[in-house]
C-alpha atoms as a PDB file:
ATOM      1  CA  MET A   1       0.231   0.140   0.126  1.00  0.00           C
ATOM      2  CA  ILE A   2       1.557   3.256  -0.762  1.00  0.00           C
ATOM      3  CA  TYR A   3      -0.454   6.397   1.698  1.00  0.00           C
ATOM      4  CA  THR A   4      -0.454  10.127   0.017  1.00  0.00           C
ATOM      5  CA  GLY A   5      -1.111  13.109   3.198  1.00  0.00           C
ATOM      6  CA  ASN A   6       0.269  16.480   4.290  1.00  0.00           C
ATOM      7  CA  TYR A   7       2.867  17.043   6.570  1.00  0.00           C
ATOM      8  CA  ASP A   8       0.503  18.723   9.563  1.00  0.00           C
ATOM      9  CA  ASN A   9      -1.941  15.617   8.761  1.00  0.00           C
ATOM     10  CA  CYS A  10       0.932  13.196   9.223  1.00  0.00           C
ATOM     11  CA  LYS A  11       2.335  12.770  12.403  1.00  0.00           C
ATOM     12  CA  SER A  12       4.315   9.445  12.164  1.00  0.00           C
ATOM     13  CA  GLY A  13       5.540   6.389   9.415  1.00  0.00           C
ATOM     14  CA  ASN A  14       7.923   6.024   6.927  1.00  0.00           C
ATOM     15  CA  LEU A  15       7.438   9.836   5.681  1.00  0.00           C
ATOM     16  CA  ILE A  16       8.390  10.829   2.243  1.00  0.00           C
ATOM     17  CA  SER A  17       8.568  15.016   1.207  1.00  0.00           C
ATOM     18  CA  ILE A  18       7.913  15.081  -2.925  1.00  0.00           C
ATOM     19  CA  SER A  19       7.707  18.554  -2.065  1.00  0.00           C
ATOM     20  CA  GLY A  20       9.736  20.976  -4.313  1.00  0.00           C
ATOM     21  CA  ASP A  21      10.880  22.670  -1.472  1.00  0.00           C
ATOM     22  CA  ARG A  22      11.924  18.853   0.541  1.00  0.00           C
ATOM     23  CA  GLY A  23       8.975  20.351   3.143  1.00  0.00           C
ATOM     24  CA  LYS A  24      11.454  23.250   5.042  1.00  0.00           C
ATOM     25  CA  LYS A  25       7.880  25.524   5.141  1.00  0.00           C
ATOM     26  CA  LYS A  26       7.239  22.581   7.846  1.00  0.00           C
ATOM     27  CA  GLU A  27      10.836  22.415   9.736  1.00  0.00           C
ATOM     28  CA  PHE A  28      10.846  18.507   7.778  1.00  0.00           C
ATOM     29  CA  LYS A  29      13.622  16.861   8.363  1.00  0.00           C
ATOM     30  CA  GLY A  30      12.737  13.242   7.163  1.00  0.00           C
ATOM     31  CA  LYS A  31      13.186  11.745   3.117  1.00  0.00           C
ATOM     32  CA  VAL A  32      13.056  12.668   0.186  1.00  0.00           C
ATOM     33  CA  CYS A  33      11.987  12.203  -3.051  1.00  0.00           C
ATOM     34  CA  SER A  34      13.255  14.844  -5.693  1.00  0.00           C
ATOM     35  CA  SER A  35      12.402  13.143  -8.384  1.00  0.00           C
ATOM     36  CA  LEU A  36       8.219  13.218  -7.736  1.00  0.00           C
ATOM     37  CA  ALA A  37       8.178  16.524  -7.058  1.00  0.00           C
ATOM     38  CA  PRO A  38       6.893  19.292 -10.220  1.00  0.00           C
ATOM     39  CA  LEU A  39       9.394  21.316 -11.878  1.00  0.00           C
ATOM     40  CA  LYS A  40       9.611  24.743 -10.687  1.00  0.00           C
ATOM     41  CA  SER A  41       8.553  26.663 -14.279  1.00  0.00           C
ATOM     42  CA  PHE A  42       5.593  25.016 -14.748  1.00  0.00           C
ATOM     43  CA  TRP A  43       4.818  25.661 -10.622  1.00  0.00           C
ATOM     44  CA  GLU A  44       5.797  28.913 -11.105  1.00  0.00           C
ATOM     45  CA  LYS A  45       3.519  29.504 -14.398  1.00  0.00           C
ATOM     46  CA  TRP A  46       0.250  27.857 -12.456  1.00  0.00           C
ATOM     47  CA  GLU A  47       0.673  30.073  -9.168  1.00  0.00           C
ATOM     48  CA  ALA A  48       0.807  33.600 -11.152  1.00  0.00           C
ATOM     49  CA  ASN A  49      -2.523  32.182 -12.691  1.00  0.00           C
ATOM     50  CA  ILE A  50      -4.428  31.908  -9.993  1.00  0.00           C
ATOM     51  CA  GLY A  51      -7.441  33.950 -10.045  1.00  0.00           C
ATOM     52  CA  LYS A  52      -6.066  35.202 -12.954  1.00  0.00           C
ATOM     53  CA  ILE A  53      -7.953  32.124 -15.778  1.00  0.00           C
ATOM     54  CA  ASP A  54      -9.611  29.623 -15.716  1.00  0.00           C
ATOM     55  CA  GLU A  55      -9.071  27.364 -12.329  1.00  0.00           C
ATOM     56  CA  TYR A  56     -10.277  24.634 -14.262  1.00  0.00           C
ATOM     57  CA  GLU A  57      -7.295  25.703 -17.275  1.00  0.00           C
ATOM     58  CA  ASN A  58      -5.117  26.413 -14.977  1.00  0.00           C
ATOM     59  CA  ILE A  59      -5.337  23.051 -12.906  1.00  0.00           C
ATOM     60  CA  LYS A  60      -5.344  21.356 -16.924  1.00  0.00           C
ATOM     61  CA  TYR A  61      -2.713  23.325 -17.408  1.00  0.00           C
ATOM     62  CA  TYR A  62      -1.070  21.415 -15.059  1.00  0.00           C
ATOM     63  CA  ILE A  63      -1.905  18.191 -14.485  1.00  0.00           C
ATOM     64  CA  ARG A  64      -0.735  18.236 -18.624  1.00  0.00           C
ATOM     65  CA  GLU A  65       2.778  19.580 -17.261  1.00  0.00           C
ATOM     66  CA  TYR A  66       3.436  18.399 -14.306  1.00  0.00           C
ATOM     67  CA  TYR A  67       2.596  14.730 -16.588  1.00  0.00           C
ATOM     68  CA  LYS A  68       4.609  14.999 -19.724  1.00  0.00           C
ATOM     69  CA  GLN A  69       7.536  16.462 -18.006  1.00  0.00           C
ATOM     70  CA  VAL A  70       7.800  14.326 -14.530  1.00  0.00           C
ATOM     71  CA  LEU A  71       5.198  11.502 -14.947  1.00  0.00           C
ATOM     72  CA  ILE A  72       6.288   9.161 -17.708  1.00  0.00           C
ATOM     73  CA  TYR A  73       9.351   9.615 -16.736  1.00  0.00           C
ATOM     74  CA  ILE A  74       9.205   8.164 -13.419  1.00  0.00           C
ATOM     75  CA  ASP A  75       9.576   3.971 -12.546  1.00  0.00           C
ATOM     76  CA  ILE A  76       7.391   3.989  -8.845  1.00  0.00           C
ATOM     77  CA  GLU A  77       8.156   0.509  -8.488  1.00  0.00           C
ATOM     78  CA  LYS A  78      11.540   1.242  -8.354  1.00  0.00           C
ATOM     79  CA  ILE A  79      10.931   4.371  -6.313  1.00  0.00           C
ATOM     80  CA  ILE A  80       9.636   2.418  -3.414  1.00  0.00           C
ATOM     81  CA  ARG A  81      11.949  -0.937  -3.667  1.00  0.00           C
ATOM     82  CA  ASP A  82      13.058  -0.935  -0.207  1.00  0.00           C
ATOM     83  CA  GLU A  83      10.180   1.874   0.957  1.00  0.00           C
ATOM     84  CA  GLU A  84       7.490   0.217   3.345  1.00  0.00           C
ATOM     85  CA  GLU A  85       4.423   1.407   3.426  1.00  0.00           C
ATOM     86  CA  PRO A  86       5.924   4.624   1.581  1.00  0.00           C
ATOM     87  CA  ILE A  87       3.142   8.497   2.836  1.00  0.00           C
ATOM     88  CA  PHE A  88       4.387  10.294  -0.336  1.00  0.00           C
ATOM     89  CA  LEU A  89       3.656  14.548   1.724  1.00  0.00           C
ATOM     90  CA  CYS A  90       2.831  17.636   0.520  1.00  0.00           C
ATOM     91  CA  TYR A  91       1.703  20.981   1.639  1.00  0.00           C
ATOM     92  CA  GLU A  92      -2.055  20.706   0.837  1.00  0.00           C
ATOM     93  CA  ASP A  93      -5.592  19.913   2.527  1.00  0.00           C
ATOM     94  CA  SER A  94      -6.663  16.467   1.484  1.00  0.00           C
ATOM     95  CA  ASN A  95      -9.531  19.192  -0.405  1.00  0.00           C
ATOM     96  CA  GLU A  96      -7.110  20.867  -2.094  1.00  0.00           C
ATOM     97  CA  PHE A  97      -5.334  20.801  -6.176  1.00  0.00           C
ATOM     98  CA  CYS A  98      -2.191  19.223  -4.705  1.00  0.00           C
ATOM     99  CA  HIS A  99       0.590  17.191  -7.296  1.00  0.00           C
ATOM    100  CA  ARG A 100       0.677  14.546  -4.586  1.00  0.00           C
ATOM    101  CA  HIS A 101      -3.358  13.853  -6.278  1.00  0.00           C
ATOM    102  CA  VAL A 102      -2.104  14.113  -9.641  1.00  0.00           C
ATOM    103  CA  LEU A 103       0.638  10.797  -8.755  1.00  0.00           C
ATOM    104  CA  ALA A 104      -1.399   9.149  -6.613  1.00  0.00           C
ATOM    105  CA  GLU A 105      -4.272   8.630  -8.971  1.00  0.00           C
ATOM    106  CA  TYR A 106      -1.036   8.162 -11.865  1.00  0.00           C
ATOM    107  CA  ILE A 107       0.088   5.197  -9.984  1.00  0.00           C
ATOM    108  CA  GLU A 108      -3.141   3.366  -9.626  1.00  0.00           C
ATOM    109  CA  LEU A 109      -4.098   3.903 -13.397  1.00  0.00           C
ATOM    110  CA  LYS A 110      -0.763   2.305 -14.599  1.00  0.00           C
ATOM    111  CA  TYR A 111       0.803   0.463 -11.627  1.00  0.00           C
ATOM    112  CA  GLY A 112      -2.799  -0.720 -10.615  1.00  0.00           C
ATOM    113  CA  ILE A 113      -1.109   0.120  -6.718  1.00  0.00           C
ATOM    114  CA  LYS A 114      -4.382   1.333  -4.198  1.00  0.00           C
ATOM    115  CA  VAL A 115      -3.207   4.550  -2.984  1.00  0.00           C
ATOM    116  CA  MET A 116      -4.767   6.476  -0.301  1.00  0.00           C
ATOM    117  CA  GLU A 117      -4.877   9.625   0.822  1.00  0.00           C
ATOM    118  CA  ILE A 118      -4.797   9.439   5.279  1.00  0.00           C
ATOM    119  CA  GLU A 119      -4.287  11.632   8.173  1.00  0.00           C
ATOM    120  CA  ILE A 120      -2.101   9.204  10.654  1.00  0.00           C
ATOM    121  CA  ASP A 121      -1.112  10.039  14.139  1.00  0.00           C
ATOM    122  CA  GLU A 122       1.927   9.651  16.554  1.00  0.00           C
ATOM    123  CA  ASN A 123       0.418   6.833  17.142  1.00  0.00           C
ATOM    124  CA  GLU A 124       0.271   5.579  13.353  1.00  0.00           C
ATOM    125  CA  ASN A 125      -3.948   5.744  13.760  1.00  0.00           C
ATOM    126  CA  ILE A 126      -4.687   5.952  10.005  1.00  0.00           C
ATOM    127  CA  THR A 127      -7.862   8.307   9.189  1.00  0.00           C
ATOM    128  CA  PRO A 128      -8.438   7.624   5.455  1.00  0.00           C
ATOM    129  CA  LYS A 129      -9.337  11.188   3.560  1.00  0.00           C
ATOM    130  CA  GLU A 130     -10.759  11.894   0.133  1.00  0.00           C
ATOM    131  CA  ARG A 131      -9.185  12.689  -2.566  1.00  0.00           C
ATOM    132  CA  PRO A 132     -10.942  15.691  -5.240  1.00  0.00           C
ATOM    133  CA  GLU A 133     -12.821  13.816  -7.940  1.00  0.00           C
ATOM    134  CA  TYR A 134     -11.886  15.696  -9.986  1.00  0.00           C
ATOM    135  CA  ILE A 135      -8.031  15.125 -10.905  1.00  0.00           C
ATOM    136  CA  LYS A 136      -8.687  11.433 -12.572  1.00  0.00           C
ATOM    137  CA  LYS A 137     -10.739  12.938 -14.715  1.00  0.00           C
ATOM    138  CA  ILE A 138      -8.346  15.392 -15.820  1.00  0.00           C
ATOM    139  CA  LEU A 139      -5.150  12.915 -15.789  1.00  0.00           C
ATOM    140  CA  LEU A 140      -7.559  10.777 -18.386  1.00  0.00           C
ATOM    141  CA  ASP A 141      -8.385  13.981 -20.604  1.00  0.00           C
ATOM    142  CA  VAL A 142      -4.378  14.791 -20.590  1.00  0.00           C
ATOM    143  CA  ILE A 143      -2.933  11.534 -20.738  1.00  0.00           C
ATOM    144  CA  LYS A 144      -5.052  10.588 -24.141  1.00  0.00           C
ATOM    145  CA  GLU A 145      -4.660  14.369 -25.270  1.00  0.00           C
ATOM    146  CA  GLU A 146      -1.355  13.256 -25.203  1.00  0.00           C
ATOM    147  CA  LYS A 147      -0.917   9.900 -26.653  1.00  0.00           C
ATOM    148  CA  LEU A 148       1.934   9.494 -25.398  1.00  0.00           C
ATOM    149  CA  GLU A 149       1.841   6.090 -22.996  1.00  0.00           C
ATOM    150  CA  GLU A 150      -1.014   3.419 -22.761  1.00  0.00           C
ATOM    151  CA  LEU A 151      -2.303   2.851 -20.023  1.00  0.00           C
ATOM    152  CA  PRO A 152      -4.746  -0.692 -19.395  1.00  0.00           C
ATOM    153  CA  GLU A 153      -7.834  -0.116 -21.082  1.00  0.00           C
ATOM    154  CA  HIS A 154     -10.301   0.232 -17.542  1.00  0.00           C
ATOM    155  CA  TRP A 155     -14.045  -0.568 -17.348  1.00  0.00           C
ATOM    156  CA  CYS A 156     -15.174  -1.435 -14.262  1.00  0.00           C
ATOM    157  CA  SER A 157     -14.570   1.800 -11.259  1.00  0.00           C
ATOM    158  CA  ASN A 158     -13.224  -0.404  -9.311  1.00  0.00           C
ATOM    159  CA  CYS A 159     -10.391  -3.082 -10.475  1.00  0.00           C
ATOM    160  CA  GLU A 160      -9.817  -1.520 -13.222  1.00  0.00           C
ATOM    161  CA  PHE A 161     -10.163  -4.192 -15.634  1.00  0.00           C
ATOM    162  CA  LYS A 162     -11.286  -4.234 -19.307  1.00  0.00           C
ATOM    163  CA  ILE A 163     -13.848  -6.438 -19.238  1.00  0.00           C
ATOM    164  CA  THR A 164     -14.206  -8.328 -23.176  1.00  0.00           C
ATOM    165  CA  ASP A 165     -17.651  -8.696 -24.601  1.00  0.00           C
ATOM    166  CA  ASP A 166     -16.905 -12.809 -24.053  1.00  0.00           C
ATOM    167  CA  LEU A 167     -16.179 -11.999 -20.307  1.00  0.00           C
ATOM    168  CA  ILE A 168     -19.939  -9.256 -19.868  1.00  0.00           C
ATOM    169  CA  ASP A 169     -21.518 -12.555 -21.375  1.00  0.00           C
ATOM    170  CA  ASP A 170     -19.887 -15.268 -19.322  1.00  0.00           C
ATOM    171  CA  ILE A 171     -20.948 -12.855 -16.145  1.00  0.00           C
ATOM    172  CA  ILE A 172     -24.163 -12.397 -17.445  1.00  0.00           C
ATOM    173  CA  SER A 173     -25.663 -16.369 -17.393  1.00  0.00           C
ATOM    174  CA  GLU A 174     -23.704 -17.271 -14.561  1.00  0.00           C
ATOM    175  CA  ASN A 175     -25.704 -14.899 -12.482  1.00  0.00           C
ATOM    176  CA  HIS A 176     -29.036 -14.468 -12.043  1.00  0.00           C
ATOM    177  CA  GLU A 177     -29.177 -11.096 -10.461  1.00  0.00           C
ATOM    178  CA  TYR A 178     -27.918  -9.499 -14.342  1.00  0.00           C
ATOM    179  CA  ARG A 179     -29.897 -12.197 -16.243  1.00  0.00           C
ATOM    180  CA  GLU A 180     -33.471 -10.411 -14.541  1.00  0.00           C
ATOM    181  CA  MET A 181     -32.313  -7.269 -16.102  1.00  0.00           C
ATOM    182  CA  ASP A 182     -31.707  -5.028 -19.605  1.00  0.00           C
ATOM    183  CA  TYR A 183     -28.933  -6.425 -21.040  1.00  0.00           C
ATOM    184  CA  ASP A 184     -27.757  -2.811 -20.893  1.00  0.00           C
ATOM    185  CA  GLU A 185     -28.303  -2.357 -17.998  1.00  0.00           C
ATOM    186  CA  ALA A 186     -26.462  -5.345 -16.756  1.00  0.00           C
ATOM    187  CA  VAL A 187     -23.588  -4.276 -18.540  1.00  0.00           C
ATOM    188  CA  LYS A 188     -23.458  -1.001 -16.982  1.00  0.00           C
ATOM    189  CA  LYS A 189     -23.697  -2.491 -13.701  1.00  0.00           C
ATOM    190  CA  ILE A 190     -20.594  -5.283 -13.933  1.00  0.00           C
ATOM    191  CA  GLY A 191     -18.235  -2.214 -15.005  1.00  0.00           C
ATOM    192  CA  HIS A 192     -19.439  -0.007 -11.969  1.00  0.00           C
ATOM    193  CA  CYS A 193     -19.329  -2.283  -9.494  1.00  0.00           C
ATOM    194  CA  GLU A 194     -19.758  -1.478  -5.974  1.00  0.00           C
ATOM    195  CA  LEU A 195     -17.444  -3.203  -2.979  1.00  0.00           C
ATOM    196  CA  ARG A 196     -19.436  -4.867  -0.218  1.00  0.00           C
ATOM    197  CA  ASP A 197     -19.174  -7.263   2.758  1.00  0.00           C
ATOM    198  CA  ASP A 198     -19.981 -10.458   0.480  1.00  0.00           C
ATOM    199  CA  GLU A 199     -19.841 -14.109   3.323  1.00  0.00           C
ATOM    200  CA  ASP A 200     -20.142 -16.091   0.186  1.00  0.00           C
ATOM    201  CA  VAL A 201     -16.917 -14.175  -0.980  1.00  0.00           C
ATOM    202  CA  LYS A 202     -15.124 -14.192   1.768  1.00  0.00           C
ATOM    203  CA  LYS A 203     -15.787 -17.872   2.018  1.00  0.00           C
ATOM    204  CA  HIS A 204     -14.161 -18.921  -1.112  1.00  0.00           C
ATOM    205  CA  GLY A 205     -11.261 -16.848  -0.147  1.00  0.00           C
ATOM    206  CA  LEU A 206     -11.828 -14.492  -3.578  1.00  0.00           C
ATOM    207  CA  TYR A 207     -10.543 -10.598  -3.833  1.00  0.00           C
ATOM    208  CA  CYS A 208     -10.334  -8.581  -6.024  1.00  0.00           C
ATOM    209  CA  GLU A 209      -6.788  -8.499  -8.201  1.00  0.00           C
ATOM    210  CA  TYR A 210      -6.812  -4.986  -9.650  1.00  0.00           C
ATOM    211  CA  TYR A 211      -7.631  -2.179  -6.648  1.00  0.00           C
ATOM    212  CA  TYR A 212      -8.103  -3.332  -4.038  1.00  0.00           C
ATOM    213  CA  PRO A 213      -6.261  -6.018  -3.390  1.00  0.00           C
ATOM    214  CA  ASP A 214      -7.489  -6.073   0.405  1.00  0.00           C
ATOM    215  CA  GLU A 215     -11.280  -5.514   0.284  1.00  0.00           C
ATOM    216  CA  VAL A 216     -14.365  -7.820  -1.605  1.00  0.00           C
ATOM    217  CA  CYS A 217     -15.523  -7.268  -4.468  1.00  0.00           C
ATOM    218  CA  LEU A 218     -19.351  -7.283  -5.228  1.00  0.00           C
ATOM    219  CA  ARG A 219     -18.868  -9.048  -8.589  1.00  0.00           C
ATOM    220  CA  LYS A 220     -17.554 -12.390  -7.540  1.00  0.00           C
ATOM    221  CA  CYS A 221     -17.601 -13.504 -11.212  1.00  0.00           C
ATOM    222  CA  LYS A 222     -14.983 -11.405 -13.310  1.00  0.00           C
ATOM    223  CA  VAL A 223     -11.467 -12.173 -12.706  1.00  0.00           C
ATOM    224  CA  MET A 224     -10.301 -13.141  -8.817  1.00  0.00           C
ATOM    225  CA  LYS A 225      -7.058 -14.346  -7.863  1.00  0.00           C
ATOM    226  CA  LYS A 226      -7.252 -16.623  -3.563  1.00  0.00           C
ATOM    227  CA  HIS A 227      -5.280 -15.655  -0.975  1.00  0.00           C
END
């Protein structure tokens, strides 16, 4: 698992700064990963444009430049190879725009590694936090427009696994709930499954193979793995 948070809310754990200034404003003295920081050139332009141009366009500019100049060059698996549950830190609050949120969405899209935004106290008690939903959408738009790399094609909103037409047919035929639905309605539900407490899934040790490796997934007939 990878975590993200800000300096004020994360007081313990494997803390790693990914800020351009290495966390100096908060007197951070821990580990630093400069390769994940934004470049000063586009950060300054983005900051200068706050309140002067459309907010969406300004954020999209930042995400585009961070993607083109930073993200496509990183190897996150190499970066975290010797790190146990790293917590990447920056300044902004969880509900504010920040490059750590862009990084988190990119890691999930490209590597299928879950990245959780958190608060963590001195006793390592973790509280999950929500990150802005619009960031993933803008990042996906940028990736499609730039055409610099191909990410896996995804349908399922939880596991991000592409479901073929043949697999959809198999899922419908094997599941009474889907057979009772209109075909298009069933396809939509299959592609947007929800996590829930399902004793049958737990009983057989079936868990989501992609984004949520430690959580039970509702659609037990899709691609799964046994622990």
